[in-house]
């Protein structure tokens, strides 16, 4: 342990998260982990942390914090106002935060989930192999709960590296959110399947780390909306008797008794998670083989972005002009 990070003003839904808690779904333990794995990994890389180090995750609004030792910080996920004292700084780049200075993070623009990585990582005690917080079971993170003002989180040791920035742009895919059919697509008629693929949906305001309800056309199941409970995947489109689809996310329950018409491919799940509520989008069907190819390509592209990080030369005046525009 080497110093503390203190929450002065918590961001919305601010928790400790890492890559997730794996291998325990069969025992009813949700994986949790970052809602946007790509932004999470880039944040850690920018401060030279190990890929699985714990960070702070927040929704919409970032809050304020300070540290007890000099360290590097990076904020990713979406564009927002970032300040150390009165200095305005760019996101997706690491910066020195000196002991006692106050870091403030404003509202995300065109995104939902933000990440704060600190060099050395958040060093809370692992629970079942992970530091990720699962709120509904009060597991992991800091006392298994949302972070609050005056919470002090231990930091790991500071790696001796420079501040870094992206050497090449990180670009998300564009276009429809891609899905593979099933596992219970046979519970739905061909007409309803086509409705899923041809009509517009949007993420509703009822959303959290467990699931996101969609606004849009109803998707009634011709074989009924009750099945023998089976395992769930992140990205599953579960359809209850209301016909309103629910996309299961990082903190989802491990089994479910509603039919799942389709599943968002892993390469598009972070992009879906970041989609602001109310924005219209469409789904597009791909095969399992295509989904695997897309996933492998996306993993290579992310690795290339991380491999080409370069030393940062923060120009404060330029950052302020960018924020003003």
Protein backbone atom coordinates (compact mmCIF):
# COMPACT_ATOMS: atom_id res chain seq x y z
CA UNK A 1 0.00 0.00 0.00
CA UNK A 2 1.24 3.49 -0.82
CA UNK A 3 -1.06 6.37 0.03
CA UNK A 4 -4.79 7.00 -0.22
CA UNK A 5 -7.32 8.44 -2.62
CA UNK A 6 -10.05 10.40 -0.84
CA UNK A 7 -13.50 10.98 -2.31
CA UNK A 8 -14.43 14.63 -1.74
CA UNK A 9 -17.62 14.56 -3.80
CA UNK A 10 -18.68 11.22 -5.28
CA UNK A 11 -19.73 10.89 -8.88
CA UNK A 12 -23.05 9.29 -9.73
CA UNK A 13 -23.04 5.53 -9.15
CA UNK A 14 -19.31 5.72 -8.39
CA UNK A 15 -17.80 2.34 -7.51
CA UNK A 16 -14.51 0.46 -7.56
CA UNK A 17 -14.32 -1.82 -10.61
CA UNK A 18 -11.71 -3.98 -12.29
CA UNK A 19 -11.81 -6.50 -15.15
CA UNK A 20 -14.41 -8.64 -13.35
CA UNK A 21 -14.95 -11.68 -11.17
CA UNK A 22 -14.70 -14.80 -13.32
CA UNK A 23 -15.35 -18.51 -13.00
CA UNK A 24 -18.11 -18.27 -10.39
CA UNK A 25 -21.32 -17.92 -12.43
CA UNK A 26 -22.21 -21.54 -11.67
CA UNK A 27 -22.23 -20.58 -7.98
CA UNK A 28 -24.53 -17.59 -8.56
CA UNK A 29 -21.78 -14.93 -8.38
CA UNK A 30 -22.08 -12.21 -11.01
CA UNK A 31 -18.96 -11.21 -12.94
CA UNK A 32 -19.39 -7.44 -12.45
CA UNK A 33 -16.42 -5.46 -13.81
CA UNK A 34 -16.23 -2.35 -15.97
CA UNK A 35 -19.27 -1.52 -18.09
CA UNK A 36 -16.97 -0.32 -20.91
CA UNK A 37 -13.99 -2.70 -20.95
CA UNK A 38 -12.13 -0.78 -23.67
CA UNK A 39 -12.23 2.58 -21.87
CA UNK A 40 -11.27 0.79 -18.64
CA UNK A 41 -8.22 -0.87 -20.22
CA UNK A 42 -7.04 2.34 -21.87
CA UNK A 43 -7.36 4.25 -18.58
CA UNK A 44 -5.09 1.74 -16.84
CA UNK A 45 -2.59 1.74 -19.71
CA UNK A 46 -2.33 5.54 -19.62
CA UNK A 47 -1.04 5.40 -16.03
CA UNK A 48 1.12 2.28 -16.64
CA UNK A 49 -1.02 0.02 -14.43
CA UNK A 50 -1.43 -3.69 -14.99
CA UNK A 51 -4.37 -4.40 -17.31
CA UNK A 52 -6.55 -5.76 -14.49
CA UNK A 53 -5.97 -2.99 -11.95
CA UNK A 54 -8.94 -1.49 -10.13
CA UNK A 55 -10.25 1.97 -11.09
CA UNK A 56 -13.15 4.23 -10.21
CA UNK A 57 -16.21 3.96 -12.45
CA UNK A 58 -18.95 6.60 -12.49
CA UNK A 59 -22.12 7.35 -14.42
CA UNK A 60 -22.62 10.74 -16.10
CA UNK A 61 -21.02 12.94 -13.39
CA UNK A 62 -17.48 12.47 -12.09
CA UNK A 63 -17.26 14.38 -8.79
CA UNK A 64 -14.08 15.44 -6.97
CA UNK A 65 -11.19 13.67 -5.25
CA UNK A 66 -7.69 14.13 -3.87
CA UNK A 67 -4.68 11.91 -3.15
CA UNK A 68 -2.18 11.72 -0.30
CA UNK A 69 0.83 11.18 -2.58
CA UNK A 70 1.82 12.40 -6.01
CA UNK A 71 0.44 10.10 -8.67
CA UNK A 72 -0.73 10.02 -12.26
CA UNK A 73 -4.41 10.00 -13.15
CA UNK A 74 -6.33 9.41 -16.38
CA UNK A 75 -10.01 9.85 -17.17
CA UNK A 76 -11.60 7.97 -20.08
CA UNK A 77 -15.04 6.89 -21.23
CA UNK A 78 -16.21 10.15 -22.80
CA UNK A 79 -15.45 13.84 -23.10
CA UNK A 80 -15.90 15.92 -19.95
CA UNK A 81 -14.53 18.92 -18.06
CA UNK A 82 -11.40 17.82 -16.14
CA UNK A 83 -9.63 20.20 -13.78
CA UNK A 84 -6.80 20.05 -11.27
CA UNK A 85 -7.38 23.22 -9.29
CA UNK A 86 -8.03 25.86 -11.96
CA UNK A 87 -6.15 24.03 -14.71
CA UNK A 88 -8.31 22.50 -17.46
CA UNK A 89 -6.91 19.23 -18.79
CA UNK A 90 -7.74 16.88 -21.67
CA UNK A 91 -9.19 13.43 -21.16
CA UNK A 92 -7.80 10.16 -22.54
CA UNK A 93 -4.37 11.28 -21.31
CA UNK A 94 -2.53 10.95 -18.01
CA UNK A 95 -1.61 13.88 -15.77
CA UNK A 96 0.29 14.36 -12.52
CA UNK A 97 -1.96 14.93 -9.52
CA UNK A 98 0.08 16.17 -6.58
CA UNK A 99 -0.69 15.35 -2.98
CA UNK A 100 -3.41 17.65 -1.68
CA UNK A 101 -4.50 18.95 -5.09
CA UNK A 102 -8.18 18.57 -5.98
CA UNK A 103 -9.24 16.79 -9.16
CA UNK A 104 -12.75 17.64 -10.36
CA UNK A 105 -14.54 15.81 -13.15
CA UNK A 106 -17.64 17.24 -14.77
CA UNK A 107 -20.50 15.67 -16.72
CA UNK A 108 -19.80 13.29 -19.56
CA UNK A 109 -20.86 14.39 -23.01
CA UNK A 110 -22.18 11.78 -25.44
CA UNK A 111 -21.35 8.93 -23.05
CA UNK A 112 -22.70 7.30 -19.89
CA UNK A 113 -19.80 5.62 -18.04
CA UNK A 114 -16.49 7.23 -17.08
CA UNK A 115 -13.28 5.81 -15.60
CA UNK A 116 -10.66 7.30 -13.27
CA UNK A 117 -7.40 5.35 -13.22
CA UNK A 118 -4.72 6.19 -10.64
CA UNK A 119 -1.15 4.97 -10.97
CA UNK A 120 -0.68 1.98 -8.69
CA UNK A 121 -4.38 1.14 -8.87
CA UNK A 122 -7.10 1.15 -6.22
CA UNK A 123 -5.78 -1.36 -3.69
CA UNK A 124 -8.92 -2.45 -1.84
CA UNK A 125 -8.95 -6.06 -0.65
CA UNK A 126 -9.91 -8.57 -3.38
CA UNK A 127 -13.07 -10.59 -2.76
CA UNK A 128 -13.36 -13.90 -4.63
CA UNK A 129 -10.47 -12.87 -6.85
CA UNK A 130 -11.64 -9.39 -7.81
CA UNK A 131 -11.93 -5.85 -6.46
CA UNK A 132 -15.08 -5.18 -8.50
CA UNK A 133 -18.16 -3.95 -6.63
CA UNK A 134 -21.43 -5.89 -7.01
CA UNK A 135 -23.94 -3.56 -5.40
CA UNK A 136 -26.93 -5.91 -4.99
CA UNK A 137 -24.90 -8.41 -2.98
CA UNK A 138 -22.60 -5.84 -1.32
CA UNK A 139 -19.60 -7.72 -2.65
CA UNK A 140 -16.11 -6.32 -3.27
CA UNK A 141 -15.01 -2.75 -3.86
CA UNK A 142 -15.19 -0.49 -0.81
CA UNK A 143 -17.55 -2.14 1.69
CA UNK A 144 -19.57 -3.46 -1.25
CA UNK A 145 -21.31 -0.11 -1.81
CA UNK A 146 -21.41 3.11 -3.78
CA UNK A 147 -18.61 5.47 -2.83
CA UNK A 148 -19.46 8.40 -0.56
CA UNK A 149 -17.81 11.64 0.56
CA UNK A 150 -14.78 11.10 2.85
CA UNK A 151 -14.20 7.50 1.74
CA UNK A 152 -10.44 6.85 1.70
CA UNK A 153 -9.25 4.15 -0.72
CA UNK A 154 -5.78 2.62 -0.48
CA UNK A 155 -3.49 2.98 -3.49
CA UNK A 156 -0.95 0.52 -4.82
CA UNK A 157 2.68 1.47 -5.35
CA UNK A 158 3.45 4.10 -7.98
CA UNK A 159 5.10 2.73 -11.15
CA UNK A 160 7.99 4.96 -12.22
CA UNK A 161 6.80 6.06 -15.65
CA UNK A 162 6.02 9.23 -17.59
CA UNK A 163 2.56 10.59 -18.31
CA UNK A 164 1.15 9.11 -21.51
CA UNK A 165 -1.37 9.96 -24.21
CA UNK A 166 -2.85 8.17 -27.21
CA UNK A 167 -0.41 7.83 -30.09
CA UNK A 168 -3.27 6.91 -32.42
CA UNK A 169 -7.01 7.59 -32.10
CA UNK A 170 -9.27 5.16 -30.28
CA UNK A 171 -12.29 4.82 -32.55
CA UNK A 172 -15.43 2.90 -31.70
CA UNK A 173 -17.39 1.03 -34.33
CA UNK A 174 -20.33 2.89 -35.86
CA UNK A 175 -23.66 1.73 -37.22
CA UNK A 176 -26.21 -0.73 -35.82
CA UNK A 177 -25.58 -2.71 -32.64
CA UNK A 178 -24.79 -6.24 -33.79
CA UNK A 179 -26.50 -9.26 -32.27
CA UNK A 180 -26.50 -13.02 -32.65
CA UNK A 181 -29.81 -14.87 -32.46
CA UNK A 182 -30.92 -16.60 -29.31
CA UNK A 183 -30.55 -18.56 -27.26
CA UNK A 184 -34.40 -18.59 -27.29
CA UNK A 185 -35.05 -16.92 -30.65
CA UNK A 186 -37.38 -19.84 -31.48
CA UNK A 187 -39.83 -18.41 -28.91
CA UNK A 188 -40.44 -15.48 -31.28
CA UNK A 189 -42.11 -15.39 -34.69
CA UNK A 190 -40.27 -14.40 -37.87
CA UNK A 191 -42.34 -11.21 -37.88
CA UNK A 192 -41.10 -10.26 -34.39
CA UNK A 193 -37.51 -11.12 -35.32
CA UNK A 194 -37.79 -8.78 -38.31
CA UNK A 195 -39.30 -6.13 -36.04
CA UNK A 196 -36.20 -6.36 -33.86
CA UNK A 197 -33.96 -5.81 -36.88
CA UNK A 198 -35.90 -3.17 -38.82
CA UNK A 199 -37.37 -0.82 -36.21
CA UNK A 200 -35.61 1.70 -33.98
CA UNK A 201 -35.00 1.32 -30.25
CA UNK A 202 -33.43 3.56 -27.61
CA UNK A 203 -32.04 2.98 -24.14
CA UNK A 204 -34.64 4.01 -21.56
CA UNK A 205 -34.03 5.93 -18.37
CA UNK A 206 -34.45 2.73 -16.33
CA UNK A 207 -30.88 1.52 -16.49
CA UNK A 208 -28.05 0.66 -14.11
CA UNK A 209 -25.12 -1.72 -13.91
CA UNK A 210 -27.46 -4.72 -13.87
CA UNK A 211 -29.61 -4.04 -16.93
CA UNK A 212 -30.98 -1.46 -19.35
CA UNK A 213 -34.63 -1.37 -20.43
CA UNK A 214 -35.23 -0.44 -24.05
CA UNK A 215 -37.86 1.90 -25.42
CA UNK A 216 -39.32 0.92 -28.77
CA UNK A 217 -41.61 -1.68 -30.33
CA UNK A 218 -42.99 -4.56 -28.30
CA UNK A 219 -41.49 -8.02 -28.87
CA UNK A 220 -44.16 -10.55 -27.79
CA UNK A 221 -43.14 -14.21 -27.71
CA UNK A 222 -45.47 -16.68 -29.46
CA UNK A 223 -44.35 -19.48 -27.11
CA UNK A 224 -44.85 -17.40 -23.97
CA UNK A 225 -42.49 -15.50 -21.73
CA UNK A 226 -41.63 -18.15 -19.16
CA UNK A 227 -38.80 -20.63 -19.62
CA UNK A 228 -36.88 -22.96 -17.34
CA UNK A 229 -34.26 -20.64 -15.87
CA UNK A 230 -30.93 -20.89 -17.63
CA UNK A 231 -27.62 -19.05 -17.60
CA UNK A 232 -27.37 -15.45 -18.76
CA UNK A 233 -24.74 -13.59 -20.74
CA UNK A 234 -23.84 -9.93 -20.71
CA UNK A 235 -25.69 -8.41 -23.65
CA UNK A 236 -28.64 -10.81 -23.64
CA UNK A 237 -31.94 -9.25 -24.77
CA UNK A 238 -34.34 -10.76 -22.25
CA UNK A 239 -38.06 -10.22 -22.99
CA UNK A 240 -40.59 -10.41 -20.11
CA UNK A 241 -44.37 -10.59 -20.56
CA UNK A 242 -44.57 -6.83 -21.16
CA UNK A 243 -42.77 -7.38 -24.48
CA UNK A 244 -40.28 -4.66 -23.54
CA UNK A 245 -36.72 -5.98 -24.02
CA UNK A 246 -34.16 -5.72 -21.23
CA UNK A 247 -30.45 -5.86 -22.02
CA UNK A 248 -28.50 -7.61 -19.26
CA UNK A 249 -25.26 -5.90 -18.27
CA UNK A 250 -22.20 -6.41 -16.04
CA UNK A 251 -24.04 -6.90 -12.71
CA UNK A 252 -26.75 -9.13 -14.22
CA UNK A 253 -28.28 -12.06 -12.37
CA UNK A 254 -26.57 -15.33 -13.30
CA UNK A 255 -29.78 -17.13 -14.39
CA UNK A 256 -33.05 -15.90 -15.84
CA UNK A 257 -36.51 -17.25 -16.59
CA UNK A 258 -37.46 -15.04 -19.55
CA UNK A 259 -36.71 -15.93 -23.19
CA UNK A 260 -33.75 -14.16 -24.75
CA UNK A 261 -34.37 -13.25 -28.38
CA UNK A 262 -30.78 -12.22 -29.13
CA UNK A 263 -27.43 -11.31 -27.58
CA UNK A 264 -25.30 -8.23 -28.30
CA UNK A 265 -21.86 -9.29 -29.50
CA UNK A 266 -19.01 -8.63 -27.07
CA UNK A 267 -17.30 -6.17 -29.42
CA UNK A 268 -20.38 -3.89 -29.37
CA UNK A 269 -21.35 -4.23 -25.71
CA UNK A 270 -19.20 -1.34 -24.46
CA UNK A 271 -20.53 0.87 -27.26
CA UNK A 272 -24.09 -0.04 -26.25
CA UNK A 273 -23.34 0.64 -22.56
CA UNK A 274 -22.07 4.12 -23.44
CA UNK A 275 -25.15 5.03 -25.48
CA UNK A 276 -27.00 8.00 -23.91
CA UNK A 277 -30.62 7.41 -22.91
CA UNK A 278 -33.07 8.42 -25.61
CA UNK A 279 -30.73 8.05 -28.59
CA UNK A 280 -32.27 5.96 -31.38
CA UNK A 281 -30.36 2.98 -32.75
CA UNK A 282 -31.02 -0.26 -34.62
CA UNK A 283 -29.90 -3.85 -34.31
CA UNK A 284 -28.25 -5.92 -37.04
CA UNK A 285 -27.96 -9.71 -37.03
CA UNK A 286 -24.62 -11.45 -37.54
CA UNK A 287 -23.64 -15.09 -37.28
CA UNK A 288 -21.69 -16.49 -34.35
CA UNK A 289 -18.68 -16.88 -36.66
CA UNK A 290 -18.90 -13.25 -37.76
CA UNK A 291 -19.22 -12.14 -34.14
CA UNK A 292 -16.06 -14.04 -33.26
CA UNK A 293 -14.15 -12.47 -36.17
CA UNK A 294 -15.33 -8.99 -35.18
CA UNK A 295 -14.32 -9.64 -31.57
CA UNK A 296 -10.83 -10.78 -32.51
CA UNK A 297 -10.36 -7.78 -34.78
CA UNK A 298 -11.57 -5.37 -32.08
CA UNK A 299 -9.18 -6.95 -29.54
CA UNK A 300 -6.26 -6.49 -31.94
CA UNK A 301 -7.20 -2.86 -32.58
CA UNK A 302 -7.40 -2.13 -28.85
CA UNK A 303 -4.01 -3.77 -28.30
CA UNK A 304 -2.57 -1.63 -31.09
CA UNK A 305 -3.93 1.55 -29.47
CA UNK A 306 -2.38 0.60 -26.13
CA UNK A 307 0.92 -0.43 -27.74
CA UNK A 308 1.31 2.97 -29.40
CA UNK A 309 0.87 5.21 -26.33
CA UNK A 310 3.39 8.05 -26.32
CA UNK A 311 4.71 10.52 -23.70
CA UNK A 312 2.21 13.30 -23.04
CA UNK A 313 3.05 16.96 -23.43
CA UNK A 314 0.02 18.68 -21.96
CA UNK A 315 -0.57 22.17 -23.34
CA UNK A 316 -2.88 23.77 -20.78
CA UNK A 317 -3.91 26.66 -23.05
CA UNK A 318 -4.78 24.26 -25.86
CA UNK A 319 -6.80 22.11 -23.45
CA UNK A 320 -8.76 25.15 -22.29
CA UNK A 321 -9.54 26.12 -25.90
CA UNK A 322 -10.72 22.59 -26.63
CA UNK A 323 -13.01 22.60 -23.59
CA UNK A 324 -14.45 25.99 -24.60
CA UNK A 325 -15.27 24.69 -28.07
